[in-house]
Amino acid sequence: MSDEFSSSPQAGSDQAPGEASAGGRAPGEASAGGRAPGDDFQRAFWAAKHALSAATATAFSRHGVHEGQQFILRCLWTEDGLTPGEIARRLGLATPTVTRAATRMEATGLLRREPHPDDRRLVRLRLTERGISLEAAIAAETAKLTERALATFEPGERETLIQALRAIRRNLTA
């Protein structure tokens, strides 16, 4: 649930990993000096994702929550006692990803594991008092991040952006 790129460009840069600096040619770039088809989209999307990831990590770290854990917390705030597999299906993740995150969250006191009442091979993830108490703070941080990210967008532009992001997801998962 951390950033998938091991090296990152300088803060504030639109340069994506593997992209050549000025004077060089990025992988896949057209040899005639023009950009490869889709390069502007890829660079802009990566830069926005990276900026949101960094801002999220900073905001949630104030509460002892690592980036990505807020999604597991949200699942458990909605329905406490889910198994890692149930959370993984709801979030579109692999079960081992949720299991690793749950181990870290358990170590920091956000949740605890309990044996499943019907299947001894499974565990249920239950929020601790600390995990429950963070719901309002994480919701407030999320609202602030959303407003900051969309500050220059009019309401109609915000809706268009959300619809476009949903369409991109559908296109890539169909």
N, C-alpha and C. Protein backbone atom coordinates (compact mmCIF):
# COMPACT_ATOMS: atom_id res chain seq x y z
N MET A 1 0.81 -1.18 0.00
CA MET A 1 0.00 0.00 0.00
C MET A 1 0.85 1.25 0.00
N SER A 2 2.09 1.11 -0.30
CA SER A 2 2.94 2.27 -0.40
C SER A 2 3.16 2.57 -1.87
N ASP A 3 3.84 3.68 -2.11
CA ASP A 3 4.09 4.10 -3.48
C ASP A 3 4.84 3.00 -4.21
N GLU A 4 4.39 2.67 -5.41
CA GLU A 4 4.96 1.54 -6.13
C GLU A 4 6.28 1.86 -6.82
N PHE A 5 6.70 3.10 -6.79
CA PHE A 5 7.96 3.47 -7.41
C PHE A 5 9.02 3.62 -6.34
N SER A 6 10.17 2.97 -6.53
CA SER A 6 11.20 3.02 -5.51
C SER A 6 11.99 4.31 -5.55
N SER A 7 12.02 4.98 -6.69
CA SER A 7 12.69 6.28 -6.75
C SER A 7 11.70 7.30 -7.23
N SER A 8 11.80 8.47 -6.69
CA SER A 8 10.85 9.50 -7.08
C SER A 8 11.59 10.73 -7.54
N PRO A 9 10.96 11.52 -8.40
CA PRO A 9 11.58 12.74 -8.87
C PRO A 9 11.60 13.78 -7.77
N GLN A 10 12.19 14.90 -8.04
CA GLN A 10 12.22 15.97 -7.06
C GLN A 10 10.80 16.41 -6.76
N ALA A 11 10.60 16.85 -5.54
CA ALA A 11 9.26 17.30 -5.13
C ALA A 11 8.79 18.39 -6.06
N GLY A 12 7.51 18.29 -6.43
CA GLY A 12 6.91 19.29 -7.29
C GLY A 12 7.16 19.07 -8.77
N SER A 13 7.91 18.06 -9.12
CA SER A 13 8.23 17.79 -10.51
C SER A 13 7.14 16.96 -11.15
N ASP A 14 6.93 17.16 -12.45
CA ASP A 14 6.01 16.32 -13.19
C ASP A 14 6.75 15.15 -13.82
N GLN A 15 8.02 15.00 -13.51
CA GLN A 15 8.83 13.95 -14.13
C GLN A 15 8.51 12.61 -13.48
N ALA A 16 8.13 11.64 -14.28
CA ALA A 16 7.79 10.32 -13.78
C ALA A 16 9.05 9.45 -13.75
N PRO A 17 9.05 8.37 -12.94
CA PRO A 17 10.20 7.48 -12.89
C PRO A 17 10.54 6.95 -14.28
N GLY A 18 11.81 6.84 -14.56
CA GLY A 18 12.25 6.30 -15.84
C GLY A 18 12.24 7.33 -16.95
N GLU A 19 11.79 8.53 -16.65
CA GLU A 19 11.71 9.57 -17.67
C GLU A 19 13.04 10.30 -17.73
N ALA A 20 13.50 10.54 -18.94
CA ALA A 20 14.77 11.23 -19.11
C ALA A 20 14.64 12.68 -18.71
N SER A 21 15.74 13.26 -18.25
CA SER A 21 15.74 14.68 -17.94
C SER A 21 15.93 15.47 -19.23
N ALA A 22 15.94 16.76 -19.12
CA ALA A 22 16.05 17.61 -20.30
C ALA A 22 17.23 17.18 -21.16
N GLY A 23 17.00 17.11 -22.43
CA GLY A 23 18.04 16.74 -23.37
C GLY A 23 18.06 15.26 -23.67
N GLY A 24 17.46 14.43 -22.83
CA GLY A 24 17.45 12.99 -23.06
C GLY A 24 16.12 12.55 -23.61
N ARG A 25 15.99 11.25 -23.82
CA ARG A 25 14.75 10.72 -24.36
C ARG A 25 14.21 9.68 -23.40
N ALA A 26 12.95 9.80 -23.05
CA ALA A 26 12.31 8.85 -22.15
C ALA A 26 12.05 7.55 -22.88
N PRO A 27 12.00 6.44 -22.13
CA PRO A 27 11.65 5.17 -22.77
C PRO A 27 10.32 5.28 -23.49
N GLY A 28 10.24 4.82 -24.71
CA GLY A 28 9.02 4.84 -25.50
C GLY A 28 8.77 6.14 -26.22
N GLU A 29 9.62 7.14 -26.01
CA GLU A 29 9.41 8.42 -26.68
C GLU A 29 9.76 8.28 -28.15
N ALA A 30 8.98 8.93 -28.97
CA ALA A 30 9.21 8.86 -30.41
C ALA A 30 10.60 9.39 -30.75
N SER A 31 11.28 8.71 -31.63
CA SER A 31 12.65 9.09 -31.97
C SER A 31 12.72 10.40 -32.73
N ALA A 32 11.64 10.86 -33.31
CA ALA A 32 11.64 12.10 -34.06
C ALA A 32 11.63 13.31 -33.13
N GLY A 33 11.73 13.08 -31.83
CA GLY A 33 11.76 14.18 -30.88
C GLY A 33 10.41 14.49 -30.28
N GLY A 34 9.33 13.95 -30.84
CA GLY A 34 8.00 14.17 -30.28
C GLY A 34 7.73 13.20 -29.15
N ARG A 35 6.70 13.45 -28.41
CA ARG A 35 6.33 12.56 -27.30
C ARG A 35 5.62 11.32 -27.83
N ALA A 36 5.78 10.24 -27.11
CA ALA A 36 5.07 9.01 -27.44
C ALA A 36 3.57 9.26 -27.18
N PRO A 37 2.71 8.58 -27.94
CA PRO A 37 1.26 8.74 -27.70
C PRO A 37 0.92 8.43 -26.24
N GLY A 38 0.15 9.27 -25.62
CA GLY A 38 -0.28 9.03 -24.24
C GLY A 38 0.71 9.49 -23.19
N ASP A 39 1.89 9.97 -23.61
CA ASP A 39 2.91 10.34 -22.64
C ASP A 39 2.43 11.46 -21.72
N ASP A 40 1.77 12.47 -22.27
CA ASP A 40 1.29 13.58 -21.44
C ASP A 40 0.30 13.08 -20.40
N PHE A 41 -0.61 12.19 -20.79
CA PHE A 41 -1.57 11.62 -19.84
C PHE A 41 -0.84 10.85 -18.74
N GLN A 42 0.08 9.97 -19.14
CA GLN A 42 0.80 9.15 -18.16
C GLN A 42 1.57 10.02 -17.17
N ARG A 43 2.26 11.03 -17.68
CA ARG A 43 3.04 11.91 -16.81
C ARG A 43 2.14 12.69 -15.87
N ALA A 44 1.07 13.26 -16.39
CA ALA A 44 0.17 14.05 -15.56
C ALA A 44 -0.52 13.18 -14.51
N PHE A 45 -0.96 11.99 -14.91
CA PHE A 45 -1.64 11.10 -13.98
C PHE A 45 -0.68 10.65 -12.88
N TRP A 46 0.55 10.26 -13.27
CA TRP A 46 1.53 9.82 -12.28
C TRP A 46 1.84 10.95 -11.31
N ALA A 47 2.06 12.16 -11.81
CA ALA A 47 2.41 13.29 -10.95
C ALA A 47 1.28 13.60 -9.97
N ALA A 48 0.02 13.56 -10.44
CA ALA A 48 -1.12 13.81 -9.56
C ALA A 48 -1.23 12.71 -8.51
N LYS A 49 -1.07 11.46 -8.93
CA LYS A 49 -1.12 10.32 -8.00
C LYS A 49 -0.03 10.45 -6.95
N HIS A 50 1.16 10.79 -7.39
CA HIS A 50 2.29 10.92 -6.48
C HIS A 50 2.06 12.06 -5.48
N ALA A 51 1.55 13.20 -5.95
CA ALA A 51 1.30 14.34 -5.06
C ALA A 51 0.21 14.00 -4.04
N LEU A 52 -0.85 13.33 -4.47
CA LEU A 52 -1.92 12.94 -3.56
C LEU A 52 -1.39 11.93 -2.54
N SER A 53 -0.57 11.00 -2.99
CA SER A 53 0.01 10.00 -2.10
C SER A 53 0.86 10.66 -1.02
N ALA A 54 1.70 11.61 -1.40
CA ALA A 54 2.56 12.30 -0.44
C ALA A 54 1.74 13.12 0.55
N ALA A 55 0.73 13.82 0.07
CA ALA A 55 -0.12 14.63 0.95
C ALA A 55 -0.91 13.74 1.90
N THR A 56 -1.39 12.61 1.40
CA THR A 56 -2.13 11.66 2.23
C THR A 56 -1.24 11.09 3.32
N ALA A 57 -0.03 10.69 2.96
CA ALA A 57 0.90 10.12 3.93
C ALA A 57 1.17 11.13 5.05
N THR A 58 1.38 12.38 4.69
CA THR A 58 1.65 13.41 5.69
C THR A 58 0.44 13.62 6.60
N ALA A 59 -0.74 13.73 6.01
CA ALA A 59 -1.96 13.99 6.80
C ALA A 59 -2.27 12.85 7.76
N PHE A 60 -2.21 11.63 7.28
CA PHE A 60 -2.60 10.50 8.11
C PHE A 60 -1.53 10.10 9.12
N SER A 61 -0.28 10.39 8.82
CA SER A 61 0.79 10.03 9.75
C SER A 61 0.64 10.77 11.07
N ARG A 62 -0.01 11.93 11.05
CA ARG A 62 -0.27 12.66 12.30
C ARG A 62 -1.13 11.85 13.26
N HIS A 63 -1.84 10.87 12.72
CA HIS A 63 -2.74 10.04 13.53
C HIS A 63 -2.22 8.61 13.68
N GLY A 64 -1.00 8.36 13.20
CA GLY A 64 -0.43 7.02 13.29
C GLY A 64 -1.00 6.05 12.27
N VAL A 65 -1.56 6.58 11.20
CA VAL A 65 -2.15 5.76 10.14
C VAL A 65 -1.28 5.90 8.91
N HIS A 66 -0.87 4.77 8.35
CA HIS A 66 -0.05 4.78 7.14
C HIS A 66 -0.95 4.85 5.91
N GLU A 67 -0.41 5.43 4.86
CA GLU A 67 -1.15 5.57 3.61
C GLU A 67 -1.74 4.23 3.18
N GLY A 68 -3.00 4.23 2.82
CA GLY A 68 -3.71 3.03 2.39
C GLY A 68 -4.50 2.38 3.51
N GLN A 69 -4.03 2.54 4.75
CA GLN A 69 -4.73 1.92 5.88
C GLN A 69 -6.10 2.54 6.10
N GLN A 70 -6.29 3.77 5.64
CA GLN A 70 -7.59 4.43 5.82
C GLN A 70 -8.70 3.66 5.11
N PHE A 71 -8.36 2.97 4.02
CA PHE A 71 -9.39 2.22 3.30
C PHE A 71 -9.81 0.98 4.08
N ILE A 72 -8.86 0.34 4.74
CA ILE A 72 -9.19 -0.80 5.61
C ILE A 72 -10.00 -0.31 6.80
N LEU A 73 -9.58 0.81 7.38
CA LEU A 73 -10.34 1.37 8.49
C LEU A 73 -11.77 1.69 8.06
N ARG A 74 -11.94 2.29 6.89
CA ARG A 74 -13.29 2.62 6.41
C ARG A 74 -14.16 1.37 6.30
N CYS A 75 -13.59 0.29 5.78
CA CYS A 75 -14.35 -0.96 5.69
C CYS A 75 -14.80 -1.41 7.08
N LEU A 76 -13.88 -1.33 8.05
CA LEU A 76 -14.20 -1.79 9.39
C LEU A 76 -15.11 -0.81 10.13
N TRP A 77 -15.04 0.47 9.83
CA TRP A 77 -15.97 1.43 10.43
C TRP A 77 -17.39 1.14 9.93
N THR A 78 -17.49 0.68 8.70
CA THR A 78 -18.80 0.35 8.13
C THR A 78 -19.31 -0.98 8.66
N GLU A 79 -18.41 -1.96 8.74
CA GLU A 79 -18.78 -3.30 9.20
C GLU A 79 -17.58 -3.92 9.90
N ASP A 80 -17.54 -3.79 11.20
CA ASP A 80 -16.44 -4.34 11.99
C ASP A 80 -16.51 -5.86 11.98
N GLY A 81 -15.35 -6.50 12.04
CA GLY A 81 -15.31 -7.94 12.12
C GLY A 81 -15.19 -8.66 10.79
N LEU A 82 -14.81 -7.94 9.75
CA LEU A 82 -14.61 -8.58 8.44
C LEU A 82 -13.32 -9.39 8.44
N THR A 83 -13.24 -10.37 7.56
CA THR A 83 -12.00 -11.12 7.38
C THR A 83 -11.11 -10.36 6.41
N PRO A 84 -9.80 -10.63 6.42
CA PRO A 84 -8.93 -9.99 5.44
C PRO A 84 -9.38 -10.24 3.99
N GLY A 85 -9.89 -11.43 3.71
CA GLY A 85 -10.37 -11.73 2.36
C GLY A 85 -11.58 -10.89 1.97
N GLU A 86 -12.49 -10.68 2.91
CA GLU A 86 -13.67 -9.85 2.63
C GLU A 86 -13.25 -8.41 2.35
N ILE A 87 -12.32 -7.90 3.14
CA ILE A 87 -11.82 -6.54 2.92
C ILE A 87 -11.12 -6.45 1.57
N ALA A 88 -10.30 -7.46 1.26
CA ALA A 88 -9.58 -7.47 -0.01
C ALA A 88 -10.55 -7.41 -1.19
N ARG A 89 -11.62 -8.19 -1.13
CA ARG A 89 -12.61 -8.18 -2.22
C ARG A 89 -13.28 -6.81 -2.34
N ARG A 90 -13.61 -6.19 -1.24
CA ARG A 90 -14.27 -4.89 -1.27
C ARG A 90 -13.35 -3.80 -1.84
N LEU A 91 -12.05 -3.95 -1.59
CA LEU A 91 -11.11 -2.93 -2.03
C LEU A 91 -10.41 -3.27 -3.35
N GLY A 92 -10.65 -4.47 -3.87
CA GLY A 92 -10.00 -4.87 -5.11
C GLY A 92 -8.52 -5.14 -4.91
N LEU A 93 -8.16 -5.67 -3.75
CA LEU A 93 -6.77 -5.98 -3.42
C LEU A 93 -6.58 -7.48 -3.26
N ALA A 94 -5.35 -7.90 -3.19
CA ALA A 94 -5.04 -9.29 -2.89
C ALA A 94 -5.12 -9.48 -1.37
N THR A 95 -5.60 -10.64 -0.94
CA THR A 95 -5.72 -10.91 0.49
C THR A 95 -4.39 -10.75 1.23
N PRO A 96 -3.26 -11.23 0.69
CA PRO A 96 -1.99 -11.02 1.41
C PRO A 96 -1.65 -9.55 1.64
N THR A 97 -2.08 -8.67 0.75
CA THR A 97 -1.84 -7.24 0.93
C THR A 97 -2.58 -6.74 2.16
N VAL A 98 -3.83 -7.15 2.31
CA VAL A 98 -4.63 -6.75 3.47
C VAL A 98 -4.06 -7.39 4.73
N THR A 99 -3.63 -8.64 4.65
CA THR A 99 -3.07 -9.34 5.81
C THR A 99 -1.82 -8.62 6.31
N ARG A 100 -0.93 -8.22 5.40
CA ARG A 100 0.28 -7.49 5.80
C ARG A 100 -0.08 -6.15 6.45
N ALA A 101 -1.02 -5.44 5.85
CA ALA A 101 -1.44 -4.15 6.42
C ALA A 101 -2.07 -4.36 7.79
N ALA A 102 -2.88 -5.40 7.93
CA ALA A 102 -3.53 -5.69 9.22
C ALA A 102 -2.50 -6.00 10.29
N THR A 103 -1.44 -6.69 9.93
CA THR A 103 -0.37 -6.99 10.89
C THR A 103 0.25 -5.69 11.41
N ARG A 104 0.50 -4.78 10.50
CA ARG A 104 1.07 -3.48 10.88
C ARG A 104 0.07 -2.69 11.72
N MET A 105 -1.19 -2.72 11.34
CA MET A 105 -2.22 -1.99 12.07
C MET A 105 -2.45 -2.58 13.46
N GLU A 106 -2.32 -3.87 13.57
CA GLU A 106 -2.44 -4.52 14.88
C GLU A 106 -1.28 -4.10 15.78
N ALA A 107 -0.08 -4.02 15.22
CA ALA A 107 1.10 -3.63 15.98
C ALA A 107 1.00 -2.20 16.51
N THR A 108 0.26 -1.35 15.80
CA THR A 108 0.11 0.05 16.24
C THR A 108 -1.19 0.27 17.01
N GLY A 109 -1.92 -0.80 17.30
CA GLY A 109 -3.09 -0.70 18.15
C GLY A 109 -4.36 -0.23 17.47
N LEU A 110 -4.43 -0.31 16.14
CA LEU A 110 -5.64 0.12 15.42
C LEU A 110 -6.69 -0.98 15.37
N LEU A 111 -6.26 -2.22 15.34
CA LEU A 111 -7.20 -3.34 15.28
C LEU A 111 -6.61 -4.54 15.99
N ARG A 112 -7.46 -5.54 16.17
CA ARG A 112 -7.01 -6.81 16.75
C ARG A 112 -7.61 -7.95 15.93
N ARG A 113 -7.00 -9.09 15.99
CA ARG A 113 -7.50 -10.28 15.29
C ARG A 113 -8.25 -11.15 16.29
N GLU A 114 -9.37 -11.69 15.82
CA GLU A 114 -10.14 -12.62 16.63
C GLU A 114 -10.42 -13.86 15.79
N PRO A 115 -10.45 -15.02 16.41
CA PRO A 115 -10.79 -16.23 15.64
C PRO A 115 -12.19 -16.12 15.05
N HIS A 116 -12.35 -16.64 13.85
CA HIS A 116 -13.66 -16.65 13.20
C HIS A 116 -14.52 -17.68 13.93
N PRO A 117 -15.77 -17.36 14.25
CA PRO A 117 -16.60 -18.29 15.03
C PRO A 117 -16.97 -19.57 14.29
N ASP A 118 -16.99 -19.53 12.96
CA ASP A 118 -17.45 -20.69 12.19
C ASP A 118 -16.32 -21.42 11.45
N ASP A 119 -15.19 -20.79 11.27
CA ASP A 119 -14.10 -21.38 10.48
C ASP A 119 -12.78 -21.05 11.17
N ARG A 120 -12.19 -22.04 11.80
CA ARG A 120 -10.97 -21.83 12.58
C ARG A 120 -9.78 -21.41 11.72
N ARG A 121 -9.87 -21.55 10.40
CA ARG A 121 -8.78 -21.14 9.51
C ARG A 121 -8.77 -19.63 9.30
N LEU A 122 -9.88 -18.98 9.62
CA LEU A 122 -10.02 -17.55 9.36
C LEU A 122 -9.93 -16.72 10.63
N VAL A 123 -9.60 -15.44 10.45
CA VAL A 123 -9.66 -14.49 11.55
C VAL A 123 -10.56 -13.34 11.13
N ARG A 124 -11.12 -12.71 12.12
CA ARG A 124 -11.89 -11.49 11.90
C ARG A 124 -11.06 -10.34 12.42
N LEU A 125 -11.13 -9.22 11.72
CA LEU A 125 -10.42 -8.02 12.14
C LEU A 125 -11.41 -7.11 12.86
N ARG A 126 -11.07 -6.78 14.08
CA ARG A 126 -11.94 -5.94 14.92
C ARG A 126 -11.18 -4.67 15.29
N LEU A 127 -11.87 -3.54 15.20
CA LEU A 127 -11.27 -2.27 15.59
C LEU A 127 -11.08 -2.21 17.10
N THR A 128 -9.97 -1.62 17.50
CA THR A 128 -9.75 -1.32 18.91
C THR A 128 -10.42 0.03 19.21
N GLU A 129 -10.42 0.42 20.47
CA GLU A 129 -10.96 1.74 20.82
C GLU A 129 -10.21 2.83 20.06
N ARG A 130 -8.89 2.67 19.94
CA ARG A 130 -8.09 3.64 19.21
C ARG A 130 -8.52 3.71 17.74
N GLY A 131 -8.73 2.55 17.11
CA GLY A 131 -9.17 2.51 15.72
C GLY A 131 -10.53 3.15 15.54
N ILE A 132 -11.43 2.89 16.46
CA ILE A 132 -12.76 3.48 16.40
C ILE A 132 -12.68 5.00 16.57
N SER A 133 -11.83 5.43 17.49
CA SER A 133 -11.75 6.87 17.81
C SER A 133 -11.19 7.71 16.67
N LEU A 134 -10.52 7.10 15.69
CA LEU A 134 -9.92 7.86 14.59
C LEU A 134 -10.88 8.16 13.45
N GLU A 135 -12.08 7.63 13.49
CA GLU A 135 -12.99 7.80 12.35
C GLU A 135 -13.23 9.27 12.01
N ALA A 136 -13.55 10.09 12.98
CA ALA A 136 -13.83 11.50 12.70
C ALA A 136 -12.57 12.23 12.22
N ALA A 137 -11.43 11.94 12.83
CA ALA A 137 -10.18 12.61 12.43
C ALA A 137 -9.77 12.25 11.01
N ILE A 138 -9.89 10.98 10.64
CA ILE A 138 -9.53 10.55 9.29
C ILE A 138 -10.52 11.12 8.28
N ALA A 139 -11.79 11.16 8.63
CA ALA A 139 -12.79 11.76 7.74
C ALA A 139 -12.49 13.24 7.52
N ALA A 140 -12.09 13.94 8.56
CA ALA A 140 -11.76 15.36 8.44
C ALA A 140 -10.52 15.56 7.58
N GLU A 141 -9.50 14.72 7.78
CA GLU A 141 -8.27 14.81 6.96
C GLU A 141 -8.60 14.54 5.50
N THR A 142 -9.44 13.54 5.25
CA THR A 142 -9.83 13.19 3.88
C THR A 142 -10.57 14.35 3.22
N ALA A 143 -11.47 14.97 3.95
CA ALA A 143 -12.22 16.11 3.41
C ALA A 143 -11.28 17.27 3.09
N LYS A 144 -10.32 17.54 3.98
CA LYS A 144 -9.35 18.61 3.73
C LYS A 144 -8.49 18.31 2.51
N LEU A 145 -8.04 17.06 2.38
CA LEU A 145 -7.23 16.67 1.22
C LEU A 145 -8.02 16.80 -0.07
N THR A 146 -9.27 16.37 -0.04
CA THR A 146 -10.12 16.46 -1.23
C THR A 146 -10.31 17.92 -1.63
N GLU A 147 -10.61 18.76 -0.66
CA GLU A 147 -10.82 20.17 -0.96
C GLU A 147 -9.53 20.81 -1.49
N ARG A 148 -8.42 20.46 -0.90
CA ARG A 148 -7.13 21.00 -1.37
C ARG A 148 -6.83 20.56 -2.79
N ALA A 149 -7.07 19.28 -3.08
CA ALA A 149 -6.78 18.74 -4.42
C ALA A 149 -7.68 19.37 -5.48
N LEU A 150 -8.92 19.66 -5.11
CA LEU A 150 -9.90 20.15 -6.09
C LEU A 150 -10.19 21.65 -5.94
N ALA A 151 -9.36 22.36 -5.22
CA ALA A 151 -9.60 23.77 -4.89
C ALA A 151 -9.85 24.65 -6.11
N THR A 152 -9.19 24.40 -7.22
CA THR A 152 -9.33 25.27 -8.38
C THR A 152 -10.41 24.80 -9.36
N PHE A 153 -11.14 23.77 -8.99
CA PHE A 153 -12.18 23.21 -9.86
C PHE A 153 -13.55 23.73 -9.46
N GLU A 154 -14.35 24.07 -10.46
CA GLU A 154 -15.75 24.42 -10.24
C GLU A 154 -16.52 23.13 -9.96
N PRO A 155 -17.71 23.21 -9.35
CA PRO A 155 -18.47 21.99 -9.05
C PRO A 155 -18.68 21.08 -10.27
N GLY A 156 -19.01 21.64 -11.41
CA GLY A 156 -19.20 20.82 -12.61
C GLY A 156 -17.91 20.15 -13.06
N GLU A 157 -16.80 20.84 -12.91
CA GLU A 157 -15.50 20.26 -13.28
C GLU A 157 -15.13 19.12 -12.34
N ARG A 158 -15.46 19.27 -11.07
CA ARG A 158 -15.21 18.20 -10.10
C ARG A 158 -15.96 16.94 -10.50
N GLU A 159 -17.23 17.10 -10.82
CA GLU A 159 -18.05 15.95 -11.21
C GLU A 159 -17.52 15.32 -12.50
N THR A 160 -17.12 16.14 -13.45
CA THR A 160 -16.56 15.63 -14.70
C THR A 160 -15.29 14.84 -14.43
N LEU A 161 -14.43 15.35 -13.55
CA LEU A 161 -13.19 14.66 -13.21
C LEU A 161 -13.49 13.30 -12.57
N ILE A 162 -14.41 13.28 -11.64
CA ILE A 162 -14.77 12.03 -10.97
C ILE A 162 -15.31 11.02 -11.98
N GLN A 163 -16.18 11.48 -12.88
CA GLN A 163 -16.71 10.59 -13.91
C GLN A 163 -15.60 10.08 -14.82
N ALA A 164 -14.66 10.94 -15.18
CA ALA A 164 -13.54 10.53 -16.04
C ALA A 164 -12.67 9.49 -15.34
N LEU A 165 -12.40 9.68 -14.06
CA LEU A 165 -11.59 8.70 -13.32
C LEU A 165 -12.31 7.35 -13.23
N ARG A 166 -13.60 7.39 -13.02
CA ARG A 166 -14.38 6.13 -12.99
C ARG A 166 -14.34 5.45 -14.36
N ALA A 167 -14.44 6.23 -15.43
CA ALA A 167 -14.38 5.67 -16.79
C ALA A 167 -13.01 5.05 -17.05
N ILE A 168 -11.95 5.70 -16.61
CA ILE A 168 -10.60 5.14 -16.79
C ILE A 168 -10.50 3.81 -16.08
N ARG A 169 -11.01 3.75 -14.86
CA ARG A 169 -10.98 2.47 -14.12
C ARG A 169 -11.75 1.38 -14.86
N ARG A 170 -12.95 1.74 -15.33
CA ARG A 170 -13.73 0.74 -16.10
C ARG A 170 -12.97 0.29 -17.35
N ASN A 171 -12.38 1.23 -18.06
CA ASN A 171 -11.62 0.90 -19.26
C ASN A 171 -10.47 -0.07 -18.96
N LEU A 172 -9.82 0.12 -17.84
CA LEU A 172 -8.66 -0.70 -17.52
C LEU A 172 -9.00 -2.01 -16.83
N THR A 173 -10.21 -2.14 -16.32
CA THR A 173 -10.58 -3.39 -15.64
C THR A 173 -11.56 -4.23 -16.42
N ALA A 174 -12.01 -3.71 -17.56
CA ALA A 174 -12.98 -4.45 -18.38
C ALA A 174 -12.34 -5.61 -19.12
